[in-house]
Structure formats: structure tokens, C-alpha cells
PDB file of N, CA and C in Angstrom:
ATOM      1  N   MET A   1       5.568   6.220  -3.731  1.00  0.00           N
ATOM      2  CA  MET A   1       5.700   7.117  -2.883  1.00  0.00           C
ATOM      3  C   MET A   1       4.725   6.771  -1.981  1.00  0.00           C
ATOM      4  N   LEU A   2       4.838   6.533  -0.720  1.00  0.00           N
ATOM      5  CA  LEU A   2       4.159   6.235   0.808  1.00  0.00           C
ATOM      6  C   LEU A   2       3.604   7.413   0.537  1.00  0.00           C
ATOM      7  N   ARG A   3       2.198   7.540   1.064  1.00  0.00           N
ATOM      8  CA  ARG A   3       1.613   8.460   1.545  1.00  0.00           C
ATOM      9  C   ARG A   3       1.280   8.596   2.847  1.00  0.00           C
ATOM     10  N   VAL A   4       1.938   9.726   3.726  1.00  0.00           N
ATOM     11  CA  VAL A   4       1.543   9.863   4.789  1.00  0.00           C
ATOM     12  C   VAL A   4       0.638  11.326   5.379  1.00  0.00           C
ATOM     13  N   LEU A   5       0.058  10.760   6.778  1.00  0.00           N
ATOM     14  CA  LEU A   5      -0.709  11.569   7.253  1.00  0.00           C
ATOM     15  C   LEU A   5       0.162  11.691   8.921  1.00  0.00           C
ATOM     16  N   ILE A   6       0.141  13.755   8.948  1.00  0.00           N
ATOM     17  CA  ILE A   6       0.654  13.895  10.378  1.00  0.00           C
ATOM     18  C   ILE A   6      -0.284  14.225  11.172  1.00  0.00           C
ATOM     19  N   CYS A   7      -0.439  14.030  12.296  1.00  0.00           N
ATOM     20  CA  CYS A   7      -1.313  14.172  13.382  1.00  0.00           C
ATOM     21  C   CYS A   7      -0.627  14.978  14.595  1.00  0.00           C
ATOM     22  N   ASP A   8      -0.471  16.052  14.681  1.00  0.00           N
ATOM     23  CA  ASP A   8       0.343  16.656  16.188  1.00  0.00           C
ATOM     24  C   ASP A   8      -0.017  17.856  16.219  1.00  0.00           C
ATOM     25  N   ASP A   9      -0.352  18.780  17.717  1.00  0.00           N
ATOM     26  CA  ASP A   9      -1.125  19.732  17.668  1.00  0.00           C
ATOM     27  C   ASP A   9       0.145  20.503  18.053  1.00  0.00           C
ATOM     28  N   SER A  10       0.854  20.470  17.986  1.00  0.00           N
ATOM     29  CA  SER A  10       2.117  21.901  17.937  1.00  0.00           C
ATOM     30  C   SER A  10       2.101  22.521  17.153  1.00  0.00           C
ATOM     31  N   MET A  11       2.539  23.683  17.074  1.00  0.00           N
ATOM     32  CA  MET A  11       2.643  24.681  15.825  1.00  0.00           C
ATOM     33  C   MET A  11       3.651  24.378  14.798  1.00  0.00           C
ATOM     34  N   GLY A  12       4.539  23.826  15.910  1.00  0.00           N
ATOM     35  CA  GLY A  12       5.962  23.747  14.633  1.00  0.00           C
ATOM     36  C   GLY A  12       6.484  22.517  13.966  1.00  0.00           C
ATOM     37  N   PHE A  13       6.418  21.530  14.607  1.00  0.00           N
ATOM     38  CA  PHE A  13       6.348  20.248  14.805  1.00  0.00           C
ATOM     39  C   PHE A  13       6.008  19.413  12.968  1.00  0.00           C
ATOM     40  N   PRO A  14       4.440  19.769  13.055  1.00  0.00           N
ATOM     41  CA  PRO A  14       4.604  19.222  11.778  1.00  0.00           C
ATOM     42  C   PRO A  14       4.814  20.040  10.490  1.00  0.00           C
ATOM     43  N   ALA A  15       4.647  21.502  10.967  1.00  0.00           N
ATOM     44  CA  ALA A  15       5.468  21.856   9.332  1.00  0.00           C
ATOM     45  C   ALA A  15       6.748  21.700   9.486  1.00  0.00           C
ATOM     46  N   LEU A  16       7.755  21.571  10.188  1.00  0.00           N
ATOM     47  CA  LEU A  16       8.939  21.059   9.763  1.00  0.00           C
ATOM     48  C   LEU A  16       8.914  19.220   9.448  1.00  0.00           C
ATOM     49  N   VAL A  17       8.048  18.458   9.868  1.00  0.00           N
ATOM     50  CA  VAL A  17       7.937  17.128   9.634  1.00  0.00           C
ATOM     51  C   VAL A  17       7.659  17.405   7.779  1.00  0.00           C
ATOM     52  N   THR A  18       6.863  18.364   7.583  1.00  0.00           N
ATOM     53  CA  THR A  18       6.608  18.166   6.364  1.00  0.00           C
ATOM     54  C   THR A  18       7.453  19.025   5.278  1.00  0.00           C
ATOM     55  N   ALA A  19       7.756  19.472   5.372  1.00  0.00           N
ATOM     56  CA  ALA A  19       9.074  19.947   4.669  1.00  0.00           C
ATOM     57  C   ALA A  19      10.238  18.889   4.204  1.00  0.00           C
ATOM     58  N   TRP A  20      10.224  18.141   5.694  1.00  0.00           N
ATOM     59  CA  TRP A  20      11.252  16.891   5.590  1.00  0.00           C
ATOM     60  C   TRP A  20      10.456  15.768   4.429  1.00  0.00           C
ATOM     61  N   LEU A  21       9.277  15.785   4.652  1.00  0.00           N
ATOM     62  CA  LEU A  21       8.418  14.298   3.853  1.00  0.00           C
ATOM     63  C   LEU A  21       8.591  15.127   1.947  1.00  0.00           C
ATOM     64  N   ASP A  22       8.456  16.198   2.108  1.00  0.00           N
ATOM     65  CA  ASP A  22       8.425  17.281   0.532  1.00  0.00           C
ATOM     66  C   ASP A  22      10.206  16.684   0.169  1.00  0.00           C
ATOM     67  N   ASP A  23      11.058  16.927   0.913  1.00  0.00           N
ATOM     68  CA  ASP A  23      12.674  16.509   0.433  1.00  0.00           C
ATOM     69  C   ASP A  23      12.950  15.418   0.568  1.00  0.00           C
ATOM     70  N   ASP A  24      11.926  14.560   0.510  1.00  0.00           N
ATOM     71  CA  ASP A  24      12.656  13.203   0.573  1.00  0.00           C
ATOM     72  C   ASP A  24      11.320  12.346  -0.517  1.00  0.00           C
ATOM     73  N   GLU A  25      11.589  11.523  -1.760  1.00  0.00           N
ATOM     74  CA  GLU A  25      11.218  11.220  -2.719  1.00  0.00           C
ATOM     75  C   GLU A  25      10.320  10.068  -2.466  1.00  0.00           C
ATOM     76  N   ARG A  26      10.508   9.247  -1.288  1.00  0.00           N
ATOM     77  CA  ARG A  26      10.216   8.691  -0.270  1.00  0.00           C
ATOM     78  C   ARG A  26       8.664   8.394  -0.099  1.00  0.00           C
ATOM     79  N   PHE A  27       8.573  10.031   0.027  1.00  0.00           N
ATOM     80  CA  PHE A  27       7.066  10.271   0.637  1.00  0.00           C
ATOM     81  C   PHE A  27       6.243  11.008  -0.097  1.00  0.00           C
ATOM     82  N   VAL A  28       5.020  11.112  -0.029  1.00  0.00           N
ATOM     83  CA  VAL A  28       3.879  12.439  -0.289  1.00  0.00           C
ATOM     84  C   VAL A  28       3.367  12.676   1.001  1.00  0.00           C
ATOM     85  N   HIS A  29       2.903  14.135   1.421  1.00  0.00           N
ATOM     86  CA  HIS A  29       2.829  14.273   2.490  1.00  0.00           C
ATOM     87  C   HIS A  29       0.732  14.441   2.341  1.00  0.00           C
ATOM     88  N   ALA A  30       0.446  13.677   2.662  1.00  0.00           N
ATOM     89  CA  ALA A  30      -1.130  13.544   2.239  1.00  0.00           C
ATOM     90  C   ALA A  30      -1.916  14.286   3.155  1.00  0.00           C
ATOM     91  N   GLY A  31      -1.688  14.772   4.768  1.00  0.00           N
ATOM     92  CA  GLY A  31      -2.321  16.004   5.295  1.00  0.00           C
ATOM     93  C   GLY A  31      -2.011  15.895   6.583  1.00  0.00           C
ATOM     94  N   THR A  32      -2.562  16.977   6.959  1.00  0.00           N
ATOM     95  CA  THR A  32      -1.969  17.217   8.226  1.00  0.00           C
ATOM     96  C   THR A  32      -3.113  17.389   9.679  1.00  0.00           C
ATOM     97  N   ALA A  33      -3.011  16.821  10.257  1.00  0.00           N
ATOM     98  CA  ALA A  33      -4.464  16.865  11.666  1.00  0.00           C
ATOM     99  C   ALA A  33      -4.062  17.568  12.883  1.00  0.00           C
ATOM    100  N   ARG A  34      -4.567  18.192  13.603  1.00  0.00           N
ATOM    101  CA  ARG A  34      -4.312  18.910  15.044  1.00  0.00           C
ATOM    102  C   ARG A  34      -4.742  17.976  16.003  1.00  0.00           C
ATOM    103  N   THR A  35      -5.712  17.260  15.961  1.00  0.00           N
ATOM    104  CA  THR A  35      -6.302  16.106  16.968  1.00  0.00           C
ATOM    105  C   THR A  35      -6.286  15.188  16.334  1.00  0.00           C
ATOM    106  N   GLY A  36      -7.191  14.262  17.344  1.00  0.00           N
ATOM    107  CA  GLY A  36      -7.455  12.841  16.936  1.00  0.00           C
ATOM    108  C   GLY A  36      -8.884  12.726  15.851  1.00  0.00           C
ATOM    109  N   THR A  37      -9.519  13.614  16.535  1.00  0.00           N
ATOM    110  CA  THR A  37     -10.431  13.603  15.637  1.00  0.00           C
ATOM    111  C   THR A  37     -10.587  14.301  14.140  1.00  0.00           C
ATOM    112  N   GLU A  38     -10.209  15.373  14.283  1.00  0.00           N
ATOM    113  CA  GLU A  38      -9.179  15.423  12.921  1.00  0.00           C
ATOM    114  C   GLU A  38      -8.497  14.660  11.972  1.00  0.00           C
ATOM    115  N   LEU A  39      -8.007  13.740  12.904  1.00  0.00           N
ATOM    116  CA  LEU A  39      -7.363  12.911  11.937  1.00  0.00           C
ATOM    117  C   LEU A  39      -8.036  11.657  11.174  1.00  0.00           C
ATOM    118  N   LEU A  40      -9.342  11.274  12.066  1.00  0.00           N
ATOM    119  CA  LEU A  40     -10.140  10.624  11.669  1.00  0.00           C
ATOM    120  C   LEU A  40     -11.138  10.940  10.656  1.00  0.00           C
ATOM    121  N   ASP A  41     -11.554  12.187  10.696  1.00  0.00           N
ATOM    122  CA  ASP A  41     -12.065  12.651   8.835  1.00  0.00           C
ATOM    123  C   ASP A  41     -11.302  12.762   8.614  1.00  0.00           C
ATOM    124  N   ILE A  42     -10.023  13.016   7.865  1.00  0.00           N
ATOM    125  CA  ILE A  42      -9.324  13.060   7.393  1.00  0.00           C
ATOM    126  C   ILE A  42      -8.870  11.731   6.426  1.00  0.00           C
ATOM    127  N   ALA A  43      -8.796  10.487   7.365  1.00  0.00           N
ATOM    128  CA  ALA A  43      -8.609   9.039   7.255  1.00  0.00           C
ATOM    129  C   ALA A  43      -9.644   8.710   6.778  1.00  0.00           C
ATOM    130  N   ARG A  44     -11.271   9.240   6.409  1.00  0.00           N
ATOM    131  CA  ARG A  44     -12.170   8.702   6.120  1.00  0.00           C
ATOM    132  C   ARG A  44     -12.121   9.108   5.001  1.00  0.00           C
ATOM    133  N   THR A  45     -11.076   9.903   4.140  1.00  0.00           N
ATOM    134  CA  THR A  45     -11.873  10.417   2.457  1.00  0.00           C
ATOM    135  C   THR A  45     -10.103  10.205   2.087  1.00  0.00           C
ATOM    136  N   THR A  46      -9.158  10.316   2.706  1.00  0.00           N
ATOM    137  CA  THR A  46      -7.874  10.185   2.291  1.00  0.00           C
ATOM    138  C   THR A  46      -6.949   8.686   2.481  1.00  0.00           C
ATOM    139  N   PRO A  47      -6.622   8.115   1.218  1.00  0.00           N
ATOM    140  CA  PRO A  47      -5.617   7.227   1.943  1.00  0.00           C
ATOM    141  C   PRO A  47      -4.381   7.756   2.047  1.00  0.00           C
ATOM    142  N   ALA A  48      -3.757   6.611   2.640  1.00  0.00           N
ATOM    143  CA  ALA A  48      -2.755   6.725   3.719  1.00  0.00           C
ATOM    144  C   ALA A  48      -2.031   5.835   3.871  1.00  0.00           C
ATOM    145  N   ASP A  49      -0.958   5.594   3.741  1.00  0.00           N
ATOM    146  CA  ASP A  49       0.207   4.293   4.503  1.00  0.00           C
ATOM    147  C   ASP A  49       0.799   4.064   5.776  1.00  0.00           C
ATOM    148  N   ALA A  50       1.048   5.130   6.170  1.00  0.00           N
ATOM    149  CA  ALA A  50       1.322   5.670   7.180  1.00  0.00           C
ATOM    150  C   ALA A  50       1.192   7.036   7.906  1.00  0.00           C
ATOM    151  N   VAL A  51       0.636   7.044   9.334  1.00  0.00           N
ATOM    152  CA  VAL A  51       0.561   7.796  10.216  1.00  0.00           C
ATOM    153  C   VAL A  51       1.784   8.097  10.654  1.00  0.00           C
ATOM    154  N   LEU A  52       2.036   9.615  11.537  1.00  0.00           N
ATOM    155  CA  LEU A  52       2.956   9.783  11.971  1.00  0.00           C
ATOM    156  C   LEU A  52       2.143  11.320  13.385  1.00  0.00           C
ATOM    157  N   LEU A  53       1.881   9.689  14.657  1.00  0.00           N
ATOM    158  CA  LEU A  53       0.871  10.240  15.536  1.00  0.00           C
ATOM    159  C   LEU A  53       1.681  10.867  16.763  1.00  0.00           C
ATOM    160  N   ASP A  54       1.287  11.810  17.114  1.00  0.00           N
ATOM    161  CA  ASP A  54       1.965  12.269  18.468  1.00  0.00           C
ATOM    162  C   ASP A  54       1.234  11.807  19.329  1.00  0.00           C
ATOM    163  N   LEU A  55       2.152  11.626  20.517  1.00  0.00           N
ATOM    164  CA  LEU A  55       0.527  10.868  21.734  1.00  0.00           C
ATOM    165  C   LEU A  55       0.155  11.830  22.499  1.00  0.00           C
ATOM    166  N   VAL A  56       0.780  12.400  22.605  1.00  0.00           N
ATOM    167  CA  VAL A  56      -0.351  13.831  23.061  1.00  0.00           C
ATOM    168  C   VAL A  56      -1.488  15.045  23.105  1.00  0.00           C
ATOM    169  N   LEU A  57      -2.428  14.180  22.668  1.00  0.00           N
ATOM    170  CA  LEU A  57      -3.641  15.609  21.865  1.00  0.00           C
ATOM    171  C   LEU A  57      -4.058  15.745  23.061  1.00  0.00           C
ATOM    172  N   PRO A  58      -5.003  17.128  22.208  1.00  0.00           N
ATOM    173  CA  PRO A  58      -6.173  17.529  23.336  1.00  0.00           C
ATOM    174  C   PRO A  58      -6.991  16.523  23.508  1.00  0.00           C
ATOM    175  N   ASP A  59      -7.586  15.979  22.691  1.00  0.00           N
ATOM    176  CA  ASP A  59      -9.148  15.315  22.517  1.00  0.00           C
ATOM    177  C   ASP A  59      -8.738  13.891  22.870  1.00  0.00           C
ATOM    178  N   VAL A  60      -7.795  13.168  23.149  1.00  0.00           N
ATOM    179  CA  VAL A  60      -7.188  11.812  22.851  1.00  0.00           C
ATOM    180  C   VAL A  60      -7.066  11.374  24.515  1.00  0.00           C
ATOM    181  N   GLU A  61      -8.014  10.407  24.909  1.00  0.00           N
ATOM    182  CA  GLU A  61      -7.579  10.178  26.200  1.00  0.00           C
ATOM    183  C   GLU A  61      -7.121   8.766  26.183  1.00  0.00           C
ATOM    184  N   ASN A  62      -7.595   7.690  25.363  1.00  0.00           N
ATOM    185  CA  ASN A  62      -6.744   6.629  25.104  1.00  0.00           C
ATOM    186  C   ASN A  62      -6.201   6.661  23.564  1.00  0.00           C
ATOM    187  N   PRO A  63      -5.050   6.584  23.365  1.00  0.00           N
ATOM    188  CA  PRO A  63      -4.110   6.711  21.607  1.00  0.00           C
ATOM    189  C   PRO A  63      -4.439   5.340  21.324  1.00  0.00           C
ATOM    190  N   ALA A  64      -4.610   4.357  22.382  1.00  0.00           N
ATOM    191  CA  ALA A  64      -4.974   2.736  21.800  1.00  0.00           C
ATOM    192  C   ALA A  64      -5.929   3.033  21.293  1.00  0.00           C
ATOM    193  N   ALA A  65      -7.311   3.289  21.339  1.00  0.00           N
ATOM    194  CA  ALA A  65      -8.574   3.688  21.144  1.00  0.00           C
ATOM    195  C   ALA A  65      -8.564   4.374  19.438  1.00  0.00           C
ATOM    196  N   LEU A  66      -7.932   5.423  19.592  1.00  0.00           N
ATOM    197  CA  LEU A  66      -7.601   6.005  18.703  1.00  0.00           C
ATOM    198  C   LEU A  66      -6.852   4.930  17.092  1.00  0.00           C
ATOM    199  N   VAL A  67      -5.813   4.355  17.762  1.00  0.00           N
ATOM    200  CA  VAL A  67      -4.877   3.626  16.651  1.00  0.00           C
ATOM    201  C   VAL A  67      -5.815   2.414  16.233  1.00  0.00           C
ATOM    202  N   ARG A  68      -6.824   2.394  17.124  1.00  0.00           N
ATOM    203  CA  ARG A  68      -7.664   0.994  16.750  1.00  0.00           C
ATOM    204  C   ARG A  68      -8.841   1.474  15.784  1.00  0.00           C
ATOM    205  N   GLU A  69      -9.109   2.528  15.893  1.00  0.00           N
ATOM    206  CA  GLU A  69     -10.271   3.153  14.944  1.00  0.00           C
ATOM    207  C   GLU A  69      -9.159   3.717  13.409  1.00  0.00           C
ATOM    208  N   LEU A  70      -8.233   4.352  13.740  1.00  0.00           N
ATOM    209  CA  LEU A  70      -7.430   4.941  12.777  1.00  0.00           C
ATOM    210  C   LEU A  70      -7.285   2.854  11.556  1.00  0.00           C
ATOM    211  N   ARG A  71      -7.015   1.939  12.222  1.00  0.00           N
ATOM    212  CA  ARG A  71      -6.752   0.724  11.374  1.00  0.00           C
ATOM    213  C   ARG A  71      -8.137  -0.028  10.653  1.00  0.00           C
ATOM    214  N   GLU A  72      -9.124   0.704  11.505  1.00  0.00           N
ATOM    215  CA  GLU A  72     -10.461   0.227  10.518  1.00  0.00           C
ATOM    216  C   GLU A  72     -10.825   1.031   9.518  1.00  0.00           C
ATOM    217  N   LEU A  73     -10.223   2.282   9.681  1.00  0.00           N
ATOM    218  CA  LEU A  73     -10.509   3.370   8.821  1.00  0.00           C
ATOM    219  C   LEU A  73      -9.801   3.012   7.095  1.00  0.00           C
ATOM    220  N   LEU A  74      -8.377   2.693   7.989  1.00  0.00           N
ATOM    221  CA  LEU A  74      -7.075   2.589   6.686  1.00  0.00           C
ATOM    222  C   LEU A  74      -6.510   1.298   6.911  1.00  0.00           C
ATOM    223  N   PRO A  75      -7.316  -0.019   7.232  1.00  0.00           N
ATOM    224  CA  PRO A  75      -6.737  -1.009   6.773  1.00  0.00           C
ATOM    225  C   PRO A  75      -5.010  -1.250   6.413  1.00  0.00           C
ATOM    226  N   GLY A  76      -4.202  -2.025   6.896  1.00  0.00           N
ATOM    227  CA  GLY A  76      -3.131  -1.833   6.384  1.00  0.00           C
ATOM    228  C   GLY A  76      -2.004  -0.584   7.069  1.00  0.00           C
ATOM    229  N   VAL A  77      -2.508   0.660   7.362  1.00  0.00           N
ATOM    230  CA  VAL A  77      -1.902   1.086   7.529  1.00  0.00           C
ATOM    231  C   VAL A  77      -0.678   1.159   8.604  1.00  0.00           C
ATOM    232  N   ARG A  78       0.536   2.028   8.458  1.00  0.00           N
ATOM    233  CA  ARG A  78       1.446   1.827   9.662  1.00  0.00           C
ATOM    234  C   ARG A  78       1.435   3.102  10.786  1.00  0.00           C
ATOM    235  N   ILE A  79       1.910   2.834  11.940  1.00  0.00           N
ATOM    236  CA  ILE A  79       1.783   4.177  12.393  1.00  0.00           C
ATOM    237  C   ILE A  79       3.158   4.722  13.330  1.00  0.00           C
ATOM    238  N   LEU A  80       3.478   5.574  13.487  1.00  0.00           N
ATOM    239  CA  LEU A  80       5.075   5.627  14.268  1.00  0.00           C
ATOM    240  C   LEU A  80       4.202   6.816  15.111  1.00  0.00           C
ATOM    241  N   LEU A  81       4.846   6.480  15.972  1.00  0.00           N
ATOM    242  CA  LEU A  81       4.032   7.509  17.207  1.00  0.00           C
ATOM    243  C   LEU A  81       5.349   8.306  17.746  1.00  0.00           C
ATOM    244  N   VAL A  82       5.092  10.062  17.717  1.00  0.00           N
ATOM    245  CA  VAL A  82       6.087  10.644  18.011  1.00  0.00           C
ATOM    246  C   VAL A  82       5.460  11.183  19.381  1.00  0.00           C
ATOM    247  N   SER A  83       6.643  11.557  20.325  1.00  0.00           N
ATOM    248  CA  SER A  83       6.508  12.293  21.617  1.00  0.00           C
ATOM    249  C   SER A  83       7.530  12.965  22.604  1.00  0.00           C
ATOM    250  N   SER A  84       7.704  13.687  23.021  1.00  0.00           N
ATOM    251  CA  SER A  84       8.897  14.418  23.889  1.00  0.00           C
ATOM    252  C   SER A  84       9.297  13.518  25.200  1.00  0.00           C
ATOM    253  N   LEU A  85       8.494  12.704  25.111  1.00  0.00           N
ATOM    254  CA  LEU A  85       8.593  11.729  26.629  1.00  0.00           C
ATOM    255  C   LEU A  85       9.427  11.366  26.447  1.00  0.00           C
ATOM    256  N   ALA A  86      10.524  10.781  27.901  1.00  0.00           N
ATOM    257  CA  ALA A  86      11.468  10.233  28.054  1.00  0.00           C
ATOM    258  C   ALA A  86      11.291   9.231  27.542  1.00  0.00           C
ATOM    259  N   LEU A  87      12.626   8.990  26.548  1.00  0.00           N
ATOM    260  CA  LEU A  87      12.924   7.467  26.001  1.00  0.00           C
ATOM    261  C   LEU A  87      11.628   6.495  26.822  1.00  0.00           C
ATOM    262  N   PRO A  88      12.306   6.161  28.091  1.00  0.00           N
ATOM    263  CA  PRO A  88      11.363   4.683  28.477  1.00  0.00           C
ATOM    264  C   PRO A  88       9.648   4.524  28.889  1.00  0.00           C
ATOM    265  N   GLU A  89       9.381   6.024  28.933  1.00  0.00           N
ATOM    266  CA  GLU A  89       7.685   6.091  29.060  1.00  0.00           C
ATOM    267  C   GLU A  89       7.465   6.457  27.485  1.00  0.00           C
ATOM    268  N   LEU A  90       7.952   7.026  26.587  1.00  0.00           N
ATOM    269  CA  LEU A  90       7.601   6.721  25.557  1.00  0.00           C
ATOM    270  C   LEU A  90       7.366   5.321  24.844  1.00  0.00           C
ATOM    271  N   GLU A  91       8.625   4.687  25.510  1.00  0.00           N
ATOM    272  CA  GLU A  91       8.589   3.488  24.443  1.00  0.00           C
ATOM    273  C   GLU A  91       7.556   2.265  25.140  1.00  0.00           C
ATOM    274  N   ARG A  92       7.198   2.887  26.397  1.00  0.00           N
ATOM    275  CA  ARG A  92       5.909   1.945  27.291  1.00  0.00           C
ATOM    276  C   ARG A  92       4.656   2.555  26.656  1.00  0.00           C
ATOM    277  N   ALA A  93       4.786   3.592  26.212  1.00  0.00           N
ATOM    278  CA  ALA A  93       3.422   4.364  25.515  1.00  0.00           C
ATOM    279  C   ALA A  93       3.207   3.774  24.179  1.00  0.00           C
ATOM    280  N   ALA A  94       3.985   3.311  23.625  1.00  0.00           N
ATOM    281  CA  ALA A  94       4.204   3.131  22.273  1.00  0.00           C
ATOM    282  C   ALA A  94       3.591   1.350  22.120  1.00  0.00           C
ATOM    283  N   GLU A  95       3.890   0.582  22.848  1.00  0.00           N
ATOM    284  CA  GLU A  95       3.882  -0.418  23.490  1.00  0.00           C
ATOM    285  C   GLU A  95       2.209  -0.681  23.529  1.00  0.00           C
ATOM    286  N   ALA A  96       2.250   0.460  24.746  1.00  0.00           N
ATOM    287  CA  ALA A  96      -0.049   0.124  24.952  1.00  0.00           C
ATOM    288  C   ALA A  96      -0.858   0.724  24.433  1.00  0.00           C
ATOM    289  N   ALA A  97      -0.158   1.746  22.901  1.00  0.00           N
ATOM    290  CA  ALA A  97      -0.893   2.105  22.070  1.00  0.00           C
ATOM    291  C   ALA A  97      -0.951   1.052  20.985  1.00  0.00           C
ATOM    292  N   GLY A  98       0.071  -0.065  20.689  1.00  0.00           N
ATOM    293  CA  GLY A  98      -0.271  -0.978  19.673  1.00  0.00           C
ATOM    294  C   GLY A  98       0.049  -0.471  18.623  1.00  0.00           C
ATOM    295  N   VAL A  99       1.455   0.881  18.613  1.00  0.00           N
ATOM    296  CA  VAL A  99       2.228   1.111  16.944  1.00  0.00           C
ATOM    297  C   VAL A  99       3.074   0.123  16.353  1.00  0.00           C
ATOM    298  N   ASP A 100       3.342   1.059  15.538  1.00  0.00           N
ATOM    299  CA  ASP A 100       4.155   0.199  14.816  1.00  0.00           C
ATOM    300  C   ASP A 100       5.576   0.250  14.857  1.00  0.00           C
ATOM    301  N   GLY A 101       6.212   1.515  15.350  1.00  0.00           N
ATOM    302  CA  GLY A 101       7.445   1.834  15.748  1.00  0.00           C
ATOM    303  C   GLY A 101       6.911   3.193  16.440  1.00  0.00           C
ATOM    304  N   TRP A 102       8.219   3.990  17.334  1.00  0.00           N
ATOM    305  CA  TRP A 102       7.861   5.105  17.816  1.00  0.00           C
ATOM    306  C   TRP A 102       9.306   6.103  18.240  1.00  0.00           C
ATOM    307  N   CYS A 103       9.643   7.184  18.203  1.00  0.00           N
ATOM    308  CA  CYS A 103      10.811   8.266  18.081  1.00  0.00           C
ATOM    309  C   CYS A 103      10.675   9.525  18.956  1.00  0.00           C
ATOM    310  N   HIS A 104      11.604   9.918  18.986  1.00  0.00           N
ATOM    311  CA  HIS A 104      11.496  11.291  19.898  1.00  0.00           C
ATOM    312  C   HIS A 104      11.601  12.414  19.373  1.00  0.00           C
ATOM    313  N   LYS A 105      10.655  13.230  19.367  1.00  0.00           N
ATOM    314  CA  LYS A 105      10.423  14.555  18.730  1.00  0.00           C
ATOM    315  C   LYS A 105      11.674  15.426  18.636  1.00  0.00           C
ATOM    316  N   ALA A 106      12.899  14.890  19.075  1.00  0.00           N
ATOM    317  CA  ALA A 106      14.178  15.731  18.982  1.00  0.00           C
ATOM    318  C   ALA A 106      15.078  14.113  18.348  1.00  0.00           C
ATOM    319  N   ILE A 107      14.657  14.725  17.040  1.00  0.00           N
ATOM    320  CA  ILE A 107      15.208  13.848  15.785  1.00  0.00           C
ATOM    321  C   ILE A 107      15.790  14.716  14.712  1.00  0.00           C
ATOM    322  N   THR A 108      16.827  14.208  14.204  1.00  0.00           N
ATOM    323  CA  THR A 108      16.832  14.830  12.544  1.00  0.00           C
ATOM    324  C   THR A 108      16.124  14.198  11.656  1.00  0.00           C
ATOM    325  N   ALA A 109      16.171  15.433  10.217  1.00  0.00           N
ATOM    326  CA  ALA A 109      15.190  14.956   9.427  1.00  0.00           C
ATOM    327  C   ALA A 109      15.480  13.863   9.089  1.00  0.00           C
ATOM    328  N   GLY A 110      16.740  13.094   8.493  1.00  0.00           N
ATOM    329  CA  GLY A 110      17.442  12.077   7.973  1.00  0.00           C
ATOM    330  C   GLY A 110      17.038  10.764   8.983  1.00  0.00           C
ATOM    331  N   ALA A 111      17.104  10.969   9.934  1.00  0.00           N
ATOM    332  CA  ALA A 111      16.792   9.725  11.172  1.00  0.00           C
ATOM    333  C   ALA A 111      14.721   9.594  11.097  1.00  0.00           C
ATOM    334  N   LEU A 112      14.333  10.573  11.034  1.00  0.00           N
ATOM    335  CA  LEU A 112      12.937  10.357  11.021  1.00  0.00           C
ATOM    336  C   LEU A 112      12.487   9.647   9.854  1.00  0.00           C
ATOM    337  N   THR A 113      12.704  10.283   8.425  1.00  0.00           N
ATOM    338  CA  THR A 113      12.648  10.342   7.343  1.00  0.00           C
ATOM    339  C   THR A 113      12.852   8.415   7.406  1.00  0.00           C
ATOM    340  N   ASP A 114      13.908   7.703   8.154  1.00  0.00           N
ATOM    341  CA  ASP A 114      14.441   6.610   7.466  1.00  0.00           C
ATOM    342  C   ASP A 114      13.663   5.510   8.786  1.00  0.00           C
ATOM    343  N   GLU A 115      13.404   6.290   9.560  1.00  0.00           N
ATOM    344  CA  GLU A 115      12.591   5.102  10.751  1.00  0.00           C
ATOM    345  C   GLU A 115      11.242   5.571  10.047  1.00  0.00           C
ATOM    346  N   LEU A 116      10.620   6.297   9.971  1.00  0.00           N
ATOM    347  CA  LEU A 116       8.889   6.240   8.924  1.00  0.00           C
ATOM    348  C   LEU A 116       8.972   5.446   7.919  1.00  0.00           C
ATOM    349  N   TYR A 117      10.071   5.399   6.630  1.00  0.00           N
ATOM    350  CA  TYR A 117      10.204   4.767   5.896  1.00  0.00           C
ATOM    351  C   TYR A 117      10.148   3.052   6.494  1.00  0.00           C
ATOM    352  N   ARG A 118      11.421   2.877   7.082  1.00  0.00           N
ATOM    353  CA  ARG A 118      11.391   1.482   7.701  1.00  0.00           C
ATOM    354  C   ARG A 118       9.816   0.811   8.481  1.00  0.00           C
ATOM    355  N   VAL A 119       9.366   1.777   9.384  1.00  0.00           N
ATOM    356  CA  VAL A 119       7.910   1.615   9.712  1.00  0.00           C
ATOM    357  C   VAL A 119       6.927   1.443   8.732  1.00  0.00           C
ATOM    358  N   ALA A 120       6.603   2.258   7.583  1.00  0.00           N
ATOM    359  CA  ALA A 120       5.765   1.856   6.673  1.00  0.00           C
ATOM    360  C   ALA A 120       5.976   1.187   5.927  1.00  0.00           C
ATOM    361  N   THR A 121       7.171   0.165   5.302  1.00  0.00           N
ATOM    362  CA  THR A 121       7.446  -1.225   4.512  1.00  0.00           C
ATOM    363  C   THR A 121       7.570  -2.037   5.906  1.00  0.00           C
ATOM    364  N   ALA A 122       7.796  -2.007   6.715  1.00  0.00           N
ATOM    365  CA  ALA A 122       7.513  -3.248   7.279  1.00  0.00           C
ATOM    366  C   ALA A 122       6.729  -4.447   7.663  1.00  0.00           C
ATOM    367  N   GLY A 123       5.520  -3.683   6.868  1.00  0.00           N
ATOM    368  CA  GLY A 123       4.311  -4.547   7.210  1.00  0.00           C
ATOM    369  C   GLY A 123       3.856  -5.269   6.323  1.00  0.00           C
TER     370      GLY A 123
END
């Protein structure tokens, strides 16, 4: 089973994704953070195979810097960026951040878990 950390500051999306992960035998929910700082704190003590990372967080000015720090703490971790930005902007932001994949928040449970699995196992 792939261990997944979720980092998103919205109220509903992390709970929804957690329920989707709990319903999918490929994943185990390893933890949830609401800020980049919380995510790094969790990553220091919690092994993870993948991170579902919101692009816009209240304490993150440079998503690429957060991605680099995550990869130092969790070598080999795969990162799927999520956002509600328009798709062309989201694709550019994902490329700039150096993540392994991206998807829009307006996604179905099956599509998100399949994309997370694809990203998590591609490396």
C-alpha cells in the first residue's frame, strides 16, 4: 500500500480525499497538513510514498522550494499538485514547481486515485 500525505488548507477537500483513499486498497492515508510548515513537520517523522499538494497554501510563496525541501526529507517521494486554477495555469505552475504530476480539484474519486497511483508508481 502506498502511504500518502495530503497538504491542503481548504476545509472540505482533504476530508473528501481522505475518504477516497480509505476506500481504495492501494493507499493508506499517512497524514494531513494545512500549511507547508505542517507538511514539512509531518514529513520529518512520517514516511510517505506520495504527497497530494495544494498549489496555494497560506505560508508558501515558492512551491518549488517546498517541493525541494520535501524531496530532501522524503527521498523518492512523488508529488501530485492539485489546484482549482485554470488548466493552462495549473500545468505551468506544476512544471515550475518540479512536481511529478498535476490535476484539477474538480475531479472524481476514481480519476484522482488513479492519477495519484500513476504518479506514485512511475518513479
